[in-house]
Amino acid sequence: VQDRTMIDDRPAEWDGSTPGDFEMDTIVGKDGKGAIVTLVERNTNFTLARKLPQGKNAKALAQTVILMLLPYIGKIRSITTDNGSEFAEHLLIAKRLRTKIFFAHPYSSWEKGCIEYHNKLIRQYIPKGTDFDSISDEMLKEIIIKINRRPRLKLGFSTPVAEFFKFIA
């Protein structure tokens, strides 16, 4: 991925202790076919996900992420992701959403641990080896609603959806 800004350059205060910092990743379907792009807001644990019909195509992923986050423009301080080729269009995402994108170090998934944890929550409903053609957009939406309605200790047993919408209000 060219022209990336590494996580080392992310300001220390953008540590997820206040809302506005997101992490981004992809989940891949059976035999590497199909993909789901996932985003989580680090402070509220609010999760978003969309199927990527073209798989890990960078341009298609960028357009999908822009559409997913456009309603929250002005509230997105940063997005942290990994070095997958599907994030090659990161400059387009950053420009359209008026945000900064930071990249974790290679093989350092713990630098974006929040999204890794939330991908595991999604995998409770969509196990590895699942053919993503069998997952409808509506089914994925229902899974994300369930995850966002789960009370969290970190949030004083509030839910990600309640805390996120307080933030964007």
N, C-alpha and C. Protein backbone atom coordinates (compact mmCIF):
# COMPACT_ATOMS: atom_id res chain seq x y z
N VAL A 1 0.86 -1.18 0.00
CA VAL A 1 0.00 0.00 0.00
C VAL A 1 0.90 1.23 0.00
N GLN A 2 0.72 2.10 -0.99
CA GLN A 2 1.57 3.28 -1.12
C GLN A 2 1.01 4.46 -0.33
N ASP A 3 1.91 5.40 -0.01
CA ASP A 3 1.54 6.66 0.64
C ASP A 3 0.78 6.46 1.94
N ARG A 4 1.20 5.47 2.71
CA ARG A 4 0.49 5.24 3.97
C ARG A 4 1.13 5.99 5.12
N THR A 5 0.32 6.29 6.11
CA THR A 5 0.79 6.90 7.34
C THR A 5 0.70 5.82 8.42
N MET A 6 1.83 5.54 9.05
CA MET A 6 1.86 4.46 10.02
C MET A 6 1.23 4.89 11.34
N ILE A 7 0.82 3.90 12.10
CA ILE A 7 0.15 4.12 13.38
C ILE A 7 1.03 4.92 14.35
N ASP A 8 2.34 4.84 14.18
CA ASP A 8 3.27 5.60 15.03
C ASP A 8 3.01 7.10 14.93
N ASP A 9 2.46 7.54 13.80
CA ASP A 9 2.20 8.96 13.58
C ASP A 9 0.81 9.39 14.05
N ARG A 10 0.03 8.45 14.55
CA ARG A 10 -1.30 8.79 15.07
C ARG A 10 -1.11 9.49 16.42
N PRO A 11 -1.73 10.66 16.61
CA PRO A 11 -1.57 11.37 17.89
C PRO A 11 -1.98 10.49 19.07
N ALA A 12 -1.22 10.56 20.15
CA ALA A 12 -1.45 9.72 21.33
C ALA A 12 -2.86 9.89 21.89
N GLU A 13 -3.40 11.12 21.79
CA GLU A 13 -4.75 11.35 22.34
C GLU A 13 -5.85 10.71 21.49
N TRP A 14 -5.50 10.20 20.32
CA TRP A 14 -6.47 9.51 19.47
C TRP A 14 -6.45 8.02 19.79
N ASP A 15 -6.52 7.70 21.04
CA ASP A 15 -6.36 6.34 21.52
C ASP A 15 -7.68 5.60 21.71
N GLY A 16 -8.78 6.20 21.27
CA GLY A 16 -10.08 5.57 21.43
C GLY A 16 -10.77 5.95 22.73
N SER A 17 -10.13 6.81 23.54
CA SER A 17 -10.74 7.21 24.81
C SER A 17 -11.86 8.22 24.61
N THR A 18 -11.89 8.86 23.45
CA THR A 18 -13.02 9.72 23.08
C THR A 18 -13.52 9.25 21.72
N PRO A 19 -14.80 9.43 21.44
CA PRO A 19 -15.35 8.93 20.17
C PRO A 19 -14.76 9.61 18.94
N GLY A 20 -14.79 8.89 17.83
CA GLY A 20 -14.36 9.43 16.55
C GLY A 20 -13.24 8.66 15.88
N ASP A 21 -12.68 7.69 16.59
CA ASP A 21 -11.58 6.89 16.04
C ASP A 21 -12.10 5.50 15.67
N PHE A 22 -11.96 5.15 14.41
CA PHE A 22 -12.46 3.88 13.89
C PHE A 22 -11.31 2.94 13.56
N GLU A 23 -11.63 1.65 13.50
CA GLU A 23 -10.73 0.64 12.96
C GLU A 23 -11.48 -0.06 11.83
N MET A 24 -10.73 -0.52 10.83
CA MET A 24 -11.32 -1.10 9.62
C MET A 24 -10.58 -2.39 9.26
N ASP A 25 -11.35 -3.37 8.75
CA ASP A 25 -10.76 -4.64 8.36
C ASP A 25 -11.69 -5.33 7.37
N THR A 26 -11.28 -6.50 6.91
CA THR A 26 -12.16 -7.32 6.07
C THR A 26 -12.20 -8.73 6.63
N ILE A 27 -13.33 -9.38 6.38
CA ILE A 27 -13.51 -10.80 6.68
C ILE A 27 -13.70 -11.46 5.32
N VAL A 28 -13.02 -12.58 5.11
CA VAL A 28 -13.06 -13.24 3.80
C VAL A 28 -13.90 -14.51 3.87
N GLY A 29 -14.63 -14.78 2.79
CA GLY A 29 -15.49 -15.95 2.71
C GLY A 29 -14.75 -17.22 2.35
N LYS A 30 -15.52 -18.29 2.20
CA LYS A 30 -14.99 -19.62 1.89
C LYS A 30 -14.12 -19.57 0.63
N ASP A 31 -12.97 -20.21 0.72
CA ASP A 31 -12.03 -20.30 -0.40
C ASP A 31 -11.59 -18.92 -0.89
N GLY A 32 -11.60 -17.93 0.00
CA GLY A 32 -11.16 -16.57 -0.37
C GLY A 32 -12.12 -15.83 -1.26
N LYS A 33 -13.34 -16.36 -1.41
CA LYS A 33 -14.33 -15.73 -2.30
C LYS A 33 -15.27 -14.86 -1.48
N GLY A 34 -15.49 -13.65 -1.96
CA GLY A 34 -16.37 -12.73 -1.26
C GLY A 34 -15.68 -12.16 -0.03
N ALA A 35 -16.14 -11.01 0.39
CA ALA A 35 -15.56 -10.36 1.57
C ALA A 35 -16.61 -9.47 2.21
N ILE A 36 -16.38 -9.18 3.47
CA ILE A 36 -17.19 -8.23 4.23
C ILE A 36 -16.23 -7.20 4.79
N VAL A 37 -16.52 -5.91 4.57
CA VAL A 37 -15.72 -4.86 5.18
C VAL A 37 -16.37 -4.54 6.53
N THR A 38 -15.54 -4.44 7.56
CA THR A 38 -16.02 -4.15 8.91
C THR A 38 -15.35 -2.88 9.43
N LEU A 39 -16.14 -2.11 10.17
CA LEU A 39 -15.63 -0.90 10.83
C LEU A 39 -16.16 -0.90 12.25
N VAL A 40 -15.35 -0.46 13.19
CA VAL A 40 -15.80 -0.30 14.57
C VAL A 40 -15.29 1.02 15.11
N GLU A 41 -16.16 1.75 15.79
CA GLU A 41 -15.77 2.99 16.46
C GLU A 41 -15.20 2.56 17.81
N ARG A 42 -13.96 2.92 18.09
CA ARG A 42 -13.22 2.35 19.21
C ARG A 42 -13.76 2.72 20.59
N ASN A 43 -14.34 3.87 20.76
CA ASN A 43 -14.82 4.29 22.07
C ASN A 43 -16.17 3.66 22.42
N THR A 44 -17.08 3.63 21.45
CA THR A 44 -18.43 3.13 21.70
C THR A 44 -18.63 1.67 21.31
N ASN A 45 -17.67 1.10 20.58
CA ASN A 45 -17.75 -0.27 20.05
C ASN A 45 -18.84 -0.43 18.99
N PHE A 46 -19.33 0.67 18.44
CA PHE A 46 -20.36 0.61 17.39
C PHE A 46 -19.75 -0.01 16.14
N THR A 47 -20.41 -1.03 15.62
CA THR A 47 -19.89 -1.80 14.49
C THR A 47 -20.74 -1.59 13.25
N LEU A 48 -20.06 -1.49 12.11
CA LEU A 48 -20.72 -1.42 10.80
C LEU A 48 -20.10 -2.50 9.93
N ALA A 49 -20.88 -3.07 9.03
CA ALA A 49 -20.36 -4.09 8.11
C ALA A 49 -21.19 -4.11 6.84
N ARG A 50 -20.52 -4.36 5.72
CA ARG A 50 -21.20 -4.49 4.43
C ARG A 50 -20.49 -5.57 3.61
N LYS A 51 -21.29 -6.31 2.86
CA LYS A 51 -20.71 -7.28 1.93
C LYS A 51 -20.03 -6.53 0.79
N LEU A 52 -18.98 -7.13 0.28
CA LEU A 52 -18.25 -6.59 -0.88
C LEU A 52 -18.42 -7.60 -2.02
N PRO A 53 -19.39 -7.37 -2.89
CA PRO A 53 -19.65 -8.34 -3.97
C PRO A 53 -18.43 -8.60 -4.85
N GLN A 54 -17.54 -7.60 -4.98
CA GLN A 54 -16.34 -7.78 -5.80
C GLN A 54 -15.16 -8.29 -4.98
N GLY A 55 -15.42 -8.81 -3.80
CA GLY A 55 -14.34 -9.30 -2.96
C GLY A 55 -13.48 -8.16 -2.45
N LYS A 56 -12.18 -8.39 -2.39
CA LYS A 56 -11.27 -7.41 -1.80
C LYS A 56 -10.75 -6.39 -2.82
N ASN A 57 -11.58 -6.03 -3.78
CA ASN A 57 -11.24 -5.01 -4.77
C ASN A 57 -11.13 -3.65 -4.08
N ALA A 58 -9.98 -2.99 -4.20
CA ALA A 58 -9.70 -1.75 -3.47
C ALA A 58 -10.66 -0.62 -3.81
N LYS A 59 -10.96 -0.43 -5.09
CA LYS A 59 -11.86 0.67 -5.48
C LYS A 59 -13.27 0.44 -4.96
N ALA A 60 -13.76 -0.78 -5.09
CA ALA A 60 -15.11 -1.11 -4.60
C ALA A 60 -15.18 -0.97 -3.08
N LEU A 61 -14.13 -1.42 -2.40
CA LEU A 61 -14.10 -1.28 -0.94
C LEU A 61 -14.13 0.19 -0.55
N ALA A 62 -13.33 1.01 -1.21
CA ALA A 62 -13.29 2.44 -0.89
C ALA A 62 -14.66 3.07 -1.05
N GLN A 63 -15.34 2.78 -2.15
CA GLN A 63 -16.67 3.35 -2.37
C GLN A 63 -17.66 2.88 -1.31
N THR A 64 -17.56 1.62 -0.92
CA THR A 64 -18.46 1.08 0.11
C THR A 64 -18.21 1.76 1.45
N VAL A 65 -16.95 1.90 1.84
CA VAL A 65 -16.61 2.54 3.12
C VAL A 65 -17.08 3.99 3.13
N ILE A 66 -16.88 4.68 2.03
CA ILE A 66 -17.33 6.08 1.93
C ILE A 66 -18.85 6.15 2.14
N LEU A 67 -19.59 5.29 1.49
CA LEU A 67 -21.06 5.29 1.65
C LEU A 67 -21.46 4.94 3.08
N MET A 68 -20.73 4.01 3.71
CA MET A 68 -21.05 3.60 5.07
C MET A 68 -20.85 4.73 6.07
N LEU A 69 -19.78 5.51 5.88
CA LEU A 69 -19.41 6.52 6.88
C LEU A 69 -19.84 7.94 6.52
N LEU A 70 -20.29 8.16 5.29
CA LEU A 70 -20.69 9.50 4.86
C LEU A 70 -21.70 10.16 5.81
N PRO A 71 -22.67 9.42 6.36
CA PRO A 71 -23.61 10.08 7.28
C PRO A 71 -22.95 10.66 8.53
N TYR A 72 -21.73 10.20 8.83
CA TYR A 72 -21.05 10.62 10.05
C TYR A 72 -19.88 11.56 9.77
N ILE A 73 -19.82 12.10 8.56
CA ILE A 73 -18.72 12.99 8.18
C ILE A 73 -18.64 14.14 9.19
N GLY A 74 -17.43 14.51 9.54
CA GLY A 74 -17.23 15.53 10.56
C GLY A 74 -17.07 14.94 11.95
N LYS A 75 -17.43 13.67 12.11
CA LYS A 75 -17.30 12.98 13.40
C LYS A 75 -16.22 11.90 13.34
N ILE A 76 -15.64 11.69 12.17
CA ILE A 76 -14.65 10.63 11.97
C ILE A 76 -13.26 11.25 12.06
N ARG A 77 -12.61 11.06 13.19
CA ARG A 77 -11.29 11.66 13.38
C ARG A 77 -10.21 10.82 12.70
N SER A 78 -10.31 9.50 12.83
CA SER A 78 -9.29 8.65 12.24
C SER A 78 -9.86 7.27 11.94
N ILE A 79 -9.17 6.58 11.03
CA ILE A 79 -9.45 5.17 10.74
C ILE A 79 -8.09 4.47 10.76
N THR A 80 -8.00 3.37 11.52
CA THR A 80 -6.78 2.57 11.55
C THR A 80 -7.09 1.23 10.90
N THR A 81 -6.18 0.78 10.04
CA THR A 81 -6.39 -0.48 9.33
C THR A 81 -5.07 -1.22 9.17
N ASP A 82 -5.10 -2.31 8.43
CA ASP A 82 -3.87 -3.06 8.18
C ASP A 82 -3.38 -2.78 6.76
N ASN A 83 -2.38 -3.52 6.34
CA ASN A 83 -1.71 -3.25 5.07
C ASN A 83 -2.22 -4.09 3.91
N GLY A 84 -3.42 -4.62 4.03
CA GLY A 84 -3.99 -5.43 2.96
C GLY A 84 -4.16 -4.60 1.69
N SER A 85 -3.98 -5.25 0.55
CA SER A 85 -4.07 -4.55 -0.74
C SER A 85 -5.46 -3.97 -0.97
N GLU A 86 -6.47 -4.49 -0.27
CA GLU A 86 -7.83 -3.96 -0.41
C GLU A 86 -7.95 -2.54 0.11
N PHE A 87 -6.95 -2.07 0.86
CA PHE A 87 -6.97 -0.70 1.39
C PHE A 87 -6.09 0.25 0.58
N ALA A 88 -5.74 -0.16 -0.63
CA ALA A 88 -4.86 0.65 -1.49
C ALA A 88 -5.47 2.00 -1.85
N GLU A 89 -6.78 2.12 -1.83
CA GLU A 89 -7.45 3.39 -2.16
C GLU A 89 -7.74 4.23 -0.90
N HIS A 90 -6.87 4.10 0.10
CA HIS A 90 -7.07 4.80 1.37
C HIS A 90 -7.08 6.31 1.21
N LEU A 91 -6.33 6.84 0.26
CA LEU A 91 -6.31 8.30 0.07
C LEU A 91 -7.67 8.81 -0.39
N LEU A 92 -8.36 8.04 -1.22
CA LEU A 92 -9.71 8.41 -1.66
C LEU A 92 -10.67 8.42 -0.47
N ILE A 93 -10.59 7.40 0.37
CA ILE A 93 -11.45 7.34 1.56
C ILE A 93 -11.17 8.54 2.46
N ALA A 94 -9.90 8.81 2.72
CA ALA A 94 -9.52 9.92 3.61
C ALA A 94 -10.01 11.25 3.06
N LYS A 95 -9.85 11.45 1.77
CA LYS A 95 -10.27 12.73 1.16
C LYS A 95 -11.78 12.91 1.23
N ARG A 96 -12.51 11.88 0.81
CA ARG A 96 -13.99 12.00 0.77
C ARG A 96 -14.59 12.13 2.16
N LEU A 97 -13.99 11.48 3.16
CA LEU A 97 -14.54 11.52 4.51
C LEU A 97 -13.87 12.57 5.39
N ARG A 98 -12.91 13.30 4.81
CA ARG A 98 -12.18 14.34 5.55
C ARG A 98 -11.63 13.80 6.88
N THR A 99 -10.87 12.73 6.74
CA THR A 99 -10.30 12.08 7.92
C THR A 99 -8.87 11.65 7.63
N LYS A 100 -8.24 11.06 8.61
CA LYS A 100 -6.88 10.53 8.45
C LYS A 100 -6.94 9.01 8.61
N ILE A 101 -6.14 8.33 7.79
CA ILE A 101 -6.07 6.87 7.87
C ILE A 101 -4.66 6.47 8.27
N PHE A 102 -4.59 5.61 9.27
CA PHE A 102 -3.32 5.12 9.79
C PHE A 102 -3.25 3.61 9.59
N PHE A 103 -2.02 3.12 9.38
CA PHE A 103 -1.80 1.71 9.12
C PHE A 103 -1.02 1.06 10.25
N ALA A 104 -1.54 -0.07 10.72
CA ALA A 104 -0.83 -0.87 11.71
C ALA A 104 0.42 -1.47 11.05
N HIS A 105 1.38 -1.86 11.86
CA HIS A 105 2.57 -2.51 11.33
C HIS A 105 2.21 -3.91 10.81
N PRO A 106 2.92 -4.38 9.79
CA PRO A 106 2.66 -5.73 9.29
C PRO A 106 2.74 -6.77 10.41
N TYR A 107 1.82 -7.71 10.38
CA TYR A 107 1.76 -8.81 11.35
C TYR A 107 1.61 -8.31 12.79
N SER A 108 0.93 -7.19 12.96
CA SER A 108 0.73 -6.61 14.29
C SER A 108 -0.76 -6.34 14.51
N SER A 109 -1.56 -7.38 14.41
CA SER A 109 -3.01 -7.22 14.49
C SER A 109 -3.45 -6.64 15.84
N TRP A 110 -2.63 -6.80 16.87
CA TRP A 110 -2.98 -6.23 18.19
C TRP A 110 -3.05 -4.70 18.15
N GLU A 111 -2.45 -4.08 17.15
CA GLU A 111 -2.51 -2.62 17.04
C GLU A 111 -3.89 -2.15 16.60
N LYS A 112 -4.70 -3.08 16.18
CA LYS A 112 -6.11 -2.78 15.87
C LYS A 112 -6.98 -3.88 16.48
N GLY A 113 -6.77 -4.05 17.77
CA GLY A 113 -7.41 -5.13 18.51
C GLY A 113 -8.92 -5.02 18.61
N CYS A 114 -9.44 -3.81 18.59
CA CYS A 114 -10.89 -3.62 18.71
C CYS A 114 -11.61 -4.27 17.52
N ILE A 115 -11.13 -4.03 16.32
CA ILE A 115 -11.78 -4.61 15.13
C ILE A 115 -11.57 -6.13 15.09
N GLU A 116 -10.42 -6.59 15.54
CA GLU A 116 -10.18 -8.04 15.56
C GLU A 116 -11.19 -8.72 16.48
N TYR A 117 -11.44 -8.12 17.65
CA TYR A 117 -12.42 -8.66 18.59
C TYR A 117 -13.83 -8.66 17.97
N HIS A 118 -14.19 -7.56 17.33
CA HIS A 118 -15.53 -7.47 16.74
C HIS A 118 -15.69 -8.40 15.54
N ASN A 119 -14.62 -8.65 14.81
CA ASN A 119 -14.70 -9.64 13.73
C ASN A 119 -14.99 -11.03 14.31
N LYS A 120 -14.43 -11.31 15.51
CA LYS A 120 -14.72 -12.59 16.17
C LYS A 120 -16.19 -12.66 16.58
N LEU A 121 -16.76 -11.53 17.01
CA LEU A 121 -18.19 -11.50 17.34
C LEU A 121 -19.02 -11.82 16.09
N ILE A 122 -18.64 -11.24 14.96
CA ILE A 122 -19.35 -11.52 13.70
C ILE A 122 -19.19 -12.99 13.33
N ARG A 123 -18.01 -13.55 13.58
CA ARG A 123 -17.75 -14.96 13.26
C ARG A 123 -18.58 -15.91 14.13
N GLN A 124 -19.13 -15.43 15.24
CA GLN A 124 -20.06 -16.26 16.02
C GLN A 124 -21.30 -16.58 15.18
N TYR A 125 -21.66 -15.68 14.29
CA TYR A 125 -22.83 -15.84 13.43
C TYR A 125 -22.47 -16.34 12.03
N ILE A 126 -21.27 -16.00 11.58
CA ILE A 126 -20.81 -16.39 10.24
C ILE A 126 -19.46 -17.09 10.40
N PRO A 127 -19.47 -18.39 10.69
CA PRO A 127 -18.22 -19.10 10.95
C PRO A 127 -17.28 -19.11 9.74
N LYS A 128 -15.99 -19.27 10.02
CA LYS A 128 -15.01 -19.43 8.94
C LYS A 128 -15.45 -20.59 8.06
N GLY A 129 -15.22 -20.46 6.78
CA GLY A 129 -15.63 -21.51 5.84
C GLY A 129 -17.02 -21.30 5.28
N THR A 130 -17.70 -20.22 5.72
CA THR A 130 -19.04 -19.93 5.21
C THR A 130 -18.94 -19.32 3.81
N ASP A 131 -19.79 -19.80 2.92
CA ASP A 131 -19.91 -19.21 1.59
C ASP A 131 -20.72 -17.93 1.74
N PHE A 132 -20.10 -16.79 1.45
CA PHE A 132 -20.77 -15.50 1.66
C PHE A 132 -21.95 -15.29 0.72
N ASP A 133 -22.04 -16.10 -0.35
CA ASP A 133 -23.23 -16.02 -1.21
C ASP A 133 -24.48 -16.43 -0.43
N SER A 134 -24.29 -17.22 0.63
CA SER A 134 -25.43 -17.68 1.44
C SER A 134 -25.84 -16.65 2.49
N ILE A 135 -25.08 -15.57 2.62
CA ILE A 135 -25.37 -14.51 3.59
C ILE A 135 -25.98 -13.33 2.83
N SER A 136 -27.24 -13.05 3.10
CA SER A 136 -27.89 -11.91 2.43
C SER A 136 -27.48 -10.61 3.12
N ASP A 137 -27.66 -9.51 2.42
CA ASP A 137 -27.40 -8.20 3.03
C ASP A 137 -28.27 -8.02 4.27
N GLU A 138 -29.51 -8.47 4.19
CA GLU A 138 -30.44 -8.35 5.33
C GLU A 138 -29.96 -9.18 6.52
N MET A 139 -29.46 -10.38 6.26
CA MET A 139 -28.94 -11.23 7.33
C MET A 139 -27.75 -10.57 8.02
N LEU A 140 -26.84 -10.01 7.22
CA LEU A 140 -25.68 -9.33 7.79
C LEU A 140 -26.13 -8.13 8.63
N LYS A 141 -27.09 -7.39 8.13
CA LYS A 141 -27.62 -6.24 8.86
C LYS A 141 -28.18 -6.68 10.22
N GLU A 142 -28.92 -7.78 10.25
CA GLU A 142 -29.50 -8.29 11.51
C GLU A 142 -28.40 -8.71 12.49
N ILE A 143 -27.34 -9.32 11.99
CA ILE A 143 -26.21 -9.71 12.85
C ILE A 143 -25.59 -8.48 13.49
N ILE A 144 -25.37 -7.45 12.71
CA ILE A 144 -24.74 -6.22 13.22
C ILE A 144 -25.67 -5.53 14.23
N ILE A 145 -26.96 -5.54 13.97
CA ILE A 145 -27.91 -4.97 14.95
C ILE A 145 -27.79 -5.71 16.28
N LYS A 146 -27.73 -7.04 16.25
CA LYS A 146 -27.59 -7.83 17.48
C LYS A 146 -26.31 -7.46 18.22
N ILE A 147 -25.21 -7.37 17.49
CA ILE A 147 -23.92 -7.03 18.11
C ILE A 147 -23.97 -5.63 18.73
N ASN A 148 -24.57 -4.69 18.02
CA ASN A 148 -24.63 -3.31 18.52
C ASN A 148 -25.62 -3.13 19.67
N ARG A 149 -26.49 -4.10 19.88
CA ARG A 149 -27.45 -4.04 21.00
C ARG A 149 -26.99 -4.82 22.21
N ARG A 150 -25.82 -5.45 22.13
CA ARG A 150 -25.28 -6.21 23.25
C ARG A 150 -24.72 -5.26 24.30
N PRO A 151 -25.22 -5.30 25.54
CA PRO A 151 -24.64 -4.43 26.57
C PRO A 151 -23.16 -4.78 26.80
N ARG A 152 -22.37 -3.77 27.10
CA ARG A 152 -20.93 -3.97 27.30
C ARG A 152 -20.49 -3.44 28.66
N LEU A 153 -19.70 -4.21 29.35
CA LEU A 153 -19.12 -3.78 30.62
C LEU A 153 -18.38 -2.46 30.45
N LYS A 154 -17.58 -2.38 29.38
CA LYS A 154 -16.79 -1.18 29.08
C LYS A 154 -17.66 0.08 29.01
N LEU A 155 -18.92 -0.10 28.63
CA LEU A 155 -19.84 1.03 28.46
C LEU A 155 -20.80 1.16 29.65
N GLY A 156 -20.43 0.58 30.79
CA GLY A 156 -21.31 0.63 31.95
C GLY A 156 -22.62 -0.09 31.69
N PHE A 157 -22.55 -1.16 30.90
CA PHE A 157 -23.68 -1.98 30.49
C PHE A 157 -24.67 -1.25 29.59
N SER A 158 -24.23 -0.15 29.02
CA SER A 158 -24.98 0.47 27.94
C SER A 158 -24.65 -0.32 26.67
N THR A 159 -25.27 0.05 25.56
CA THR A 159 -25.02 -0.65 24.31
C THR A 159 -24.23 0.23 23.34
N PRO A 160 -23.49 -0.39 22.42
CA PRO A 160 -22.77 0.40 21.42
C PRO A 160 -23.69 1.34 20.64
N VAL A 161 -24.86 0.88 20.26
CA VAL A 161 -25.75 1.73 19.47
C VAL A 161 -26.20 2.95 20.28
N ALA A 162 -26.51 2.77 21.55
CA ALA A 162 -26.94 3.90 22.39
C ALA A 162 -25.81 4.91 22.55
N GLU A 163 -24.60 4.43 22.81
CA GLU A 163 -23.47 5.33 23.03
C GLU A 163 -23.05 6.04 21.74
N PHE A 164 -23.08 5.32 20.62
CA PHE A 164 -22.69 5.93 19.35
C PHE A 164 -23.65 7.05 18.97
N PHE A 165 -24.94 6.80 19.14
CA PHE A 165 -25.90 7.83 18.74
C PHE A 165 -25.92 9.01 19.69
N LYS A 166 -25.49 8.82 20.94
CA LYS A 166 -25.26 9.98 21.82
C LYS A 166 -24.12 10.82 21.25
N PHE A 167 -23.09 10.15 20.76
CA PHE A 167 -21.91 10.83 20.20
C PHE A 167 -22.25 11.62 18.94
N ILE A 168 -23.03 11.04 18.05
CA ILE A 168 -23.28 11.74 16.78
C ILE A 168 -24.43 12.74 16.86
N ALA A 169 -25.19 12.71 17.95
CA ALA A 169 -26.35 13.61 18.08
C ALA A 169 -25.94 15.08 18.08
